[in-house]
N, C-alpha and C. Protein backbone atom coordinates (compact mmCIF):
# COMPACT_ATOMS: atom_id res chain seq x y z
N MET A 1 1.10 52.74 44.07
CA MET A 1 1.36 51.40 44.53
C MET A 1 1.83 50.58 43.35
N VAL A 2 3.04 50.09 43.42
CA VAL A 2 3.64 49.31 42.35
C VAL A 2 3.68 47.86 42.79
N ASN A 3 3.09 47.01 41.97
CA ASN A 3 3.10 45.57 42.27
C ASN A 3 4.07 44.87 41.33
N SER A 4 4.89 44.03 41.86
CA SER A 4 5.83 43.25 41.07
C SER A 4 5.13 41.98 40.59
N VAL A 5 5.61 41.45 39.48
CA VAL A 5 5.06 40.18 38.98
C VAL A 5 5.31 39.09 39.99
N ASN A 6 6.44 39.16 40.67
CA ASN A 6 6.79 38.13 41.64
C ASN A 6 5.92 38.16 42.89
N THR A 7 5.34 39.29 43.21
CA THR A 7 4.53 39.40 44.42
C THR A 7 3.05 39.44 44.13
N ASN A 8 2.67 39.68 42.89
CA ASN A 8 1.26 39.74 42.51
C ASN A 8 0.80 38.33 42.16
N GLN A 9 -0.04 37.76 43.02
CA GLN A 9 -0.49 36.38 42.86
C GLN A 9 -1.24 36.17 41.55
N SER A 10 -2.07 37.09 41.16
CA SER A 10 -2.83 36.96 39.91
C SER A 10 -1.90 36.97 38.71
N ALA A 11 -0.86 37.80 38.78
CA ALA A 11 0.10 37.87 37.68
C ALA A 11 0.88 36.56 37.57
N ILE A 12 1.22 35.96 38.69
CA ILE A 12 1.95 34.69 38.68
C ILE A 12 1.09 33.60 38.04
N VAL A 13 -0.18 33.54 38.43
CA VAL A 13 -1.10 32.55 37.86
C VAL A 13 -1.26 32.78 36.36
N ALA A 14 -1.41 34.03 35.96
CA ALA A 14 -1.56 34.36 34.55
C ALA A 14 -0.30 34.00 33.76
N LEU A 15 0.87 34.24 34.35
CA LEU A 15 2.14 33.92 33.70
C LEU A 15 2.30 32.41 33.53
N LYS A 16 1.95 31.64 34.55
CA LYS A 16 2.00 30.18 34.44
C LYS A 16 1.05 29.69 33.36
N SER A 17 -0.13 30.27 33.33
CA SER A 17 -1.11 29.90 32.31
C SER A 17 -0.60 30.22 30.91
N LEU A 18 0.02 31.39 30.77
CA LEU A 18 0.58 31.78 29.48
C LEU A 18 1.70 30.83 29.06
N ASN A 19 2.57 30.48 30.00
CA ASN A 19 3.66 29.54 29.70
C ASN A 19 3.12 28.18 29.28
N ASN A 20 2.08 27.69 29.97
CA ASN A 20 1.46 26.42 29.60
C ASN A 20 0.84 26.50 28.21
N THR A 21 0.21 27.62 27.92
CA THR A 21 -0.40 27.81 26.60
C THR A 21 0.65 27.81 25.51
N VAL A 22 1.75 28.49 25.74
CA VAL A 22 2.84 28.53 24.76
C VAL A 22 3.43 27.13 24.55
N THR A 23 3.61 26.40 25.65
CA THR A 23 4.14 25.03 25.55
C THR A 23 3.21 24.15 24.72
N GLU A 24 1.92 24.21 25.01
CA GLU A 24 0.95 23.41 24.27
C GLU A 24 0.87 23.84 22.81
N LEU A 25 0.98 25.14 22.56
CA LEU A 25 0.97 25.65 21.19
C LEU A 25 2.18 25.11 20.42
N ASN A 26 3.33 25.10 21.07
CA ASN A 26 4.54 24.56 20.43
C ASN A 26 4.38 23.07 20.10
N LYS A 27 3.79 22.31 21.04
CA LYS A 27 3.54 20.89 20.79
C LYS A 27 2.60 20.71 19.60
N THR A 28 1.55 21.51 19.57
CA THR A 28 0.58 21.42 18.48
C THR A 28 1.21 21.78 17.14
N GLN A 29 2.03 22.83 17.14
CA GLN A 29 2.71 23.22 15.90
C GLN A 29 3.65 22.11 15.43
N LYS A 30 4.32 21.47 16.36
CA LYS A 30 5.22 20.38 16.01
C LYS A 30 4.44 19.20 15.42
N ARG A 31 3.27 18.91 16.00
CA ARG A 31 2.43 17.82 15.49
C ARG A 31 1.92 18.14 14.10
N VAL A 32 1.52 19.38 13.89
CA VAL A 32 1.02 19.79 12.58
C VAL A 32 2.14 19.75 11.55
N THR A 33 3.31 20.22 11.93
CA THR A 33 4.46 20.26 11.01
C THR A 33 4.91 18.86 10.62
N THR A 34 5.04 17.96 11.59
CA THR A 34 5.54 16.61 11.30
C THR A 34 4.44 15.66 10.87
N GLY A 35 3.22 15.93 11.27
CA GLY A 35 2.13 15.01 10.98
C GLY A 35 2.04 13.87 11.98
N TYR A 36 2.90 13.88 12.99
CA TYR A 36 2.91 12.83 13.99
C TYR A 36 2.56 13.39 15.35
N LYS A 37 1.81 12.59 16.13
CA LYS A 37 1.50 13.01 17.50
C LYS A 37 2.77 12.97 18.35
N VAL A 38 3.59 11.95 18.11
CA VAL A 38 4.87 11.81 18.80
C VAL A 38 5.95 11.91 17.73
N ALA A 39 6.54 13.08 17.60
CA ALA A 39 7.49 13.33 16.51
C ALA A 39 8.90 12.85 16.84
N ASP A 40 9.27 12.87 18.11
CA ASP A 40 10.61 12.42 18.49
C ASP A 40 10.59 11.91 19.92
N ALA A 41 11.71 11.40 20.37
CA ALA A 41 11.80 10.79 21.69
C ALA A 41 11.58 11.78 22.82
N VAL A 42 11.75 13.07 22.55
CA VAL A 42 11.55 14.09 23.58
C VAL A 42 10.07 14.14 23.98
N ASP A 43 9.17 13.94 23.00
CA ASP A 43 7.74 13.99 23.30
C ASP A 43 7.34 12.89 24.28
N ASP A 44 7.69 11.66 23.94
CA ASP A 44 7.37 10.51 24.78
C ASP A 44 8.22 9.35 24.28
N GLY A 45 9.25 9.02 25.02
CA GLY A 45 10.22 8.02 24.56
C GLY A 45 9.61 6.68 24.21
N ALA A 46 8.76 6.15 25.10
CA ALA A 46 8.17 4.84 24.86
C ALA A 46 7.23 4.88 23.65
N ALA A 47 6.40 5.90 23.60
CA ALA A 47 5.47 6.02 22.48
C ALA A 47 6.23 6.23 21.17
N PHE A 48 7.33 6.96 21.23
CA PHE A 48 8.14 7.18 20.03
C PHE A 48 8.74 5.87 19.54
N ALA A 49 9.23 5.04 20.46
CA ALA A 49 9.80 3.74 20.07
C ALA A 49 8.74 2.87 19.41
N VAL A 50 7.54 2.85 19.98
CA VAL A 50 6.45 2.08 19.38
C VAL A 50 6.09 2.64 18.02
N ALA A 51 6.01 3.97 17.92
CA ALA A 51 5.67 4.60 16.65
C ALA A 51 6.71 4.30 15.58
N GLN A 52 7.98 4.33 15.95
CA GLN A 52 9.05 4.02 14.99
C GLN A 52 8.93 2.57 14.51
N SER A 53 8.62 1.68 15.44
CA SER A 53 8.45 0.27 15.09
C SER A 53 7.28 0.10 14.11
N LEU A 54 6.19 0.80 14.40
CA LEU A 54 5.02 0.72 13.51
C LEU A 54 5.31 1.32 12.14
N ARG A 55 6.07 2.42 12.11
CA ARG A 55 6.44 3.02 10.82
C ARG A 55 7.30 2.05 10.02
N SER A 56 8.20 1.37 10.70
CA SER A 56 9.06 0.40 10.04
C SER A 56 8.23 -0.76 9.48
N GLU A 57 7.30 -1.26 10.28
CA GLU A 57 6.43 -2.35 9.83
C GLU A 57 5.57 -1.90 8.65
N LYS A 58 5.13 -0.66 8.68
CA LYS A 58 4.33 -0.14 7.58
C LYS A 58 5.15 -0.14 6.29
N GLY A 59 6.41 0.25 6.40
CA GLY A 59 7.29 0.24 5.23
C GLY A 59 7.46 -1.17 4.68
N VAL A 60 7.64 -2.13 5.58
CA VAL A 60 7.79 -3.52 5.16
C VAL A 60 6.50 -4.00 4.50
N LEU A 61 5.37 -3.69 5.10
CA LEU A 61 4.09 -4.11 4.52
C LEU A 61 3.84 -3.47 3.16
N ASN A 62 4.26 -2.23 2.99
CA ASN A 62 4.12 -1.58 1.68
C ASN A 62 4.97 -2.30 0.64
N ALA A 63 6.17 -2.71 1.02
CA ALA A 63 7.04 -3.44 0.10
C ALA A 63 6.44 -4.80 -0.25
N VAL A 64 5.90 -5.48 0.75
CA VAL A 64 5.26 -6.78 0.50
C VAL A 64 4.06 -6.60 -0.41
N ASN A 65 3.27 -5.57 -0.16
CA ASN A 65 2.10 -5.29 -0.99
C ASN A 65 2.50 -5.03 -2.43
N SER A 66 3.57 -4.30 -2.61
CA SER A 66 4.07 -4.03 -3.95
C SER A 66 4.48 -5.32 -4.65
N GLN A 67 5.18 -6.19 -3.94
CA GLN A 67 5.59 -7.46 -4.53
C GLN A 67 4.39 -8.36 -4.83
N LEU A 68 3.38 -8.32 -3.97
CA LEU A 68 2.17 -9.09 -4.23
C LEU A 68 1.46 -8.59 -5.48
N ASN A 69 1.47 -7.29 -5.70
CA ASN A 69 0.87 -6.75 -6.91
C ASN A 69 1.63 -7.21 -8.15
N VAL A 70 2.96 -7.30 -8.05
CA VAL A 70 3.75 -7.81 -9.17
C VAL A 70 3.38 -9.27 -9.43
N ALA A 71 3.28 -10.06 -8.36
CA ALA A 71 2.91 -11.47 -8.50
C ALA A 71 1.51 -11.61 -9.07
N LYS A 72 0.61 -10.73 -8.66
CA LYS A 72 -0.76 -10.75 -9.19
C LYS A 72 -0.75 -10.49 -10.69
N GLY A 73 0.06 -9.54 -11.13
CA GLY A 73 0.16 -9.25 -12.56
C GLY A 73 0.74 -10.43 -13.32
N ALA A 74 1.78 -11.06 -12.76
CA ALA A 74 2.39 -12.22 -13.41
C ALA A 74 1.39 -13.37 -13.49
N THR A 75 0.60 -13.55 -12.45
CA THR A 75 -0.42 -14.60 -12.46
C THR A 75 -1.47 -14.33 -13.52
N ALA A 76 -1.86 -13.08 -13.69
CA ALA A 76 -2.84 -12.73 -14.72
C ALA A 76 -2.29 -13.03 -16.11
N VAL A 77 -1.01 -12.72 -16.33
CA VAL A 77 -0.38 -13.01 -17.63
C VAL A 77 -0.33 -14.52 -17.85
N PHE A 78 0.07 -15.26 -16.83
CA PHE A 78 0.14 -16.72 -16.95
C PHE A 78 -1.24 -17.30 -17.23
N SER A 79 -2.25 -16.81 -16.53
CA SER A 79 -3.62 -17.29 -16.73
C SER A 79 -4.08 -17.04 -18.16
N SER A 80 -3.79 -15.86 -18.66
CA SER A 80 -4.16 -15.53 -20.04
C SER A 80 -3.44 -16.45 -21.03
N ALA A 81 -2.16 -16.68 -20.79
CA ALA A 81 -1.39 -17.56 -21.67
C ALA A 81 -1.93 -18.99 -21.62
N ALA A 82 -2.25 -19.46 -20.43
CA ALA A 82 -2.79 -20.82 -20.28
C ALA A 82 -4.13 -20.94 -21.00
N THR A 83 -4.95 -19.90 -20.93
CA THR A 83 -6.23 -19.91 -21.64
C THR A 83 -6.01 -19.98 -23.14
N ASN A 84 -5.04 -19.21 -23.64
CA ASN A 84 -4.74 -19.24 -25.07
C ASN A 84 -4.24 -20.61 -25.51
N VAL A 85 -3.39 -21.24 -24.71
CA VAL A 85 -2.90 -22.58 -25.03
C VAL A 85 -4.06 -23.57 -25.02
N SER A 86 -4.91 -23.48 -24.03
CA SER A 86 -6.07 -24.37 -23.94
C SER A 86 -6.98 -24.20 -25.15
N ASP A 87 -7.22 -22.95 -25.55
CA ASP A 87 -8.06 -22.71 -26.73
C ASP A 87 -7.41 -23.30 -27.98
N GLY A 88 -6.10 -23.14 -28.11
CA GLY A 88 -5.38 -23.70 -29.26
C GLY A 88 -5.46 -25.21 -29.30
N LEU A 89 -5.32 -25.85 -28.14
CA LEU A 89 -5.42 -27.31 -28.07
C LEU A 89 -6.83 -27.77 -28.41
N ALA A 90 -7.83 -27.02 -27.99
CA ALA A 90 -9.22 -27.38 -28.31
C ALA A 90 -9.45 -27.30 -29.82
N ARG A 91 -8.91 -26.25 -30.46
CA ARG A 91 -9.05 -26.13 -31.91
C ARG A 91 -8.31 -27.26 -32.63
N ALA A 92 -7.13 -27.61 -32.12
CA ALA A 92 -6.37 -28.71 -32.73
C ALA A 92 -7.12 -30.03 -32.60
N ARG A 93 -7.70 -30.26 -31.44
CA ARG A 93 -8.47 -31.49 -31.24
C ARG A 93 -9.66 -31.54 -32.19
N GLU A 94 -10.32 -30.40 -32.33
CA GLU A 94 -11.46 -30.33 -33.25
C GLU A 94 -11.03 -30.63 -34.68
N THR A 95 -9.92 -30.05 -35.10
CA THR A 95 -9.41 -30.28 -36.47
C THR A 95 -9.01 -31.74 -36.66
N LEU A 96 -8.33 -32.32 -35.67
CA LEU A 96 -7.93 -33.72 -35.77
C LEU A 96 -9.13 -34.65 -35.83
N THR A 97 -10.17 -34.30 -35.09
CA THR A 97 -11.39 -35.10 -35.14
C THR A 97 -12.01 -35.04 -36.53
N LYS A 98 -12.01 -33.85 -37.12
CA LYS A 98 -12.55 -33.71 -38.47
C LYS A 98 -11.70 -34.48 -39.48
N LEU A 99 -10.39 -34.45 -39.32
CA LEU A 99 -9.49 -35.16 -40.23
C LEU A 99 -9.62 -36.68 -40.11
N ALA A 100 -10.08 -37.16 -38.97
CA ALA A 100 -10.26 -38.60 -38.78
C ALA A 100 -11.46 -39.14 -39.55
N ASP A 101 -12.30 -38.26 -40.03
CA ASP A 101 -13.49 -38.68 -40.79
C ASP A 101 -13.04 -39.26 -42.13
N GLN A 102 -13.41 -40.50 -42.38
CA GLN A 102 -13.01 -41.20 -43.61
C GLN A 102 -13.76 -40.70 -44.84
N ASN A 103 -14.85 -39.98 -44.65
CA ASN A 103 -15.66 -39.50 -45.77
C ASN A 103 -15.21 -38.16 -46.32
N LEU A 104 -14.11 -37.59 -45.81
CA LEU A 104 -13.64 -36.28 -46.29
C LEU A 104 -13.04 -36.41 -47.68
N ASN A 105 -13.34 -35.42 -48.52
CA ASN A 105 -12.69 -35.40 -49.83
C ASN A 105 -11.33 -34.74 -49.70
N THR A 106 -10.55 -34.75 -50.73
CA THR A 106 -9.18 -34.25 -50.71
C THR A 106 -9.14 -32.75 -50.46
N ASP A 107 -10.05 -31.99 -51.03
CA ASP A 107 -10.07 -30.54 -50.83
C ASP A 107 -10.31 -30.18 -49.35
N MET A 108 -11.27 -30.86 -48.74
CA MET A 108 -11.57 -30.58 -47.33
C MET A 108 -10.39 -31.00 -46.44
N ARG A 109 -9.79 -32.12 -46.76
CA ARG A 109 -8.65 -32.60 -45.98
C ARG A 109 -7.49 -31.59 -46.07
N THR A 110 -7.25 -31.03 -47.25
CA THR A 110 -6.21 -30.03 -47.44
C THR A 110 -6.53 -28.77 -46.65
N LYS A 111 -7.80 -28.37 -46.67
CA LYS A 111 -8.22 -27.18 -45.92
C LYS A 111 -7.98 -27.37 -44.42
N TYR A 112 -8.37 -28.52 -43.89
CA TYR A 112 -8.18 -28.78 -42.46
C TYR A 112 -6.71 -28.87 -42.10
N ASN A 113 -5.90 -29.43 -42.99
CA ASN A 113 -4.46 -29.52 -42.74
C ASN A 113 -3.82 -28.13 -42.69
N ASN A 114 -4.34 -27.20 -43.48
CA ASN A 114 -3.79 -25.84 -43.50
C ASN A 114 -4.20 -25.03 -42.27
N ASP A 115 -5.28 -25.44 -41.63
CA ASP A 115 -5.73 -24.74 -40.42
C ASP A 115 -4.79 -25.08 -39.30
């Protein structure tokens, strides 16, 4: 008794199951290879469009983040420079206050002038 795949009900069910398994395996391999659940419009057009939009926004946000880091560095440099200027002005004020003292001798006055 020879049974054909087309007439054997169990074989048809097994073949459909095998085809579904192969299809799902191919989808999984594609996801693993690309790293994306929806790799292209064939997978799911609407989800792919949303994913592309999100990828684009991510790129923009990465660029903005990079520029913010540059601005943060520039701000740190400016802050350091402002602190140095402030310290210098404080020292100058201190020296000028000392020079305003009428009781200073000539040697001390010369020393403060050289500072």
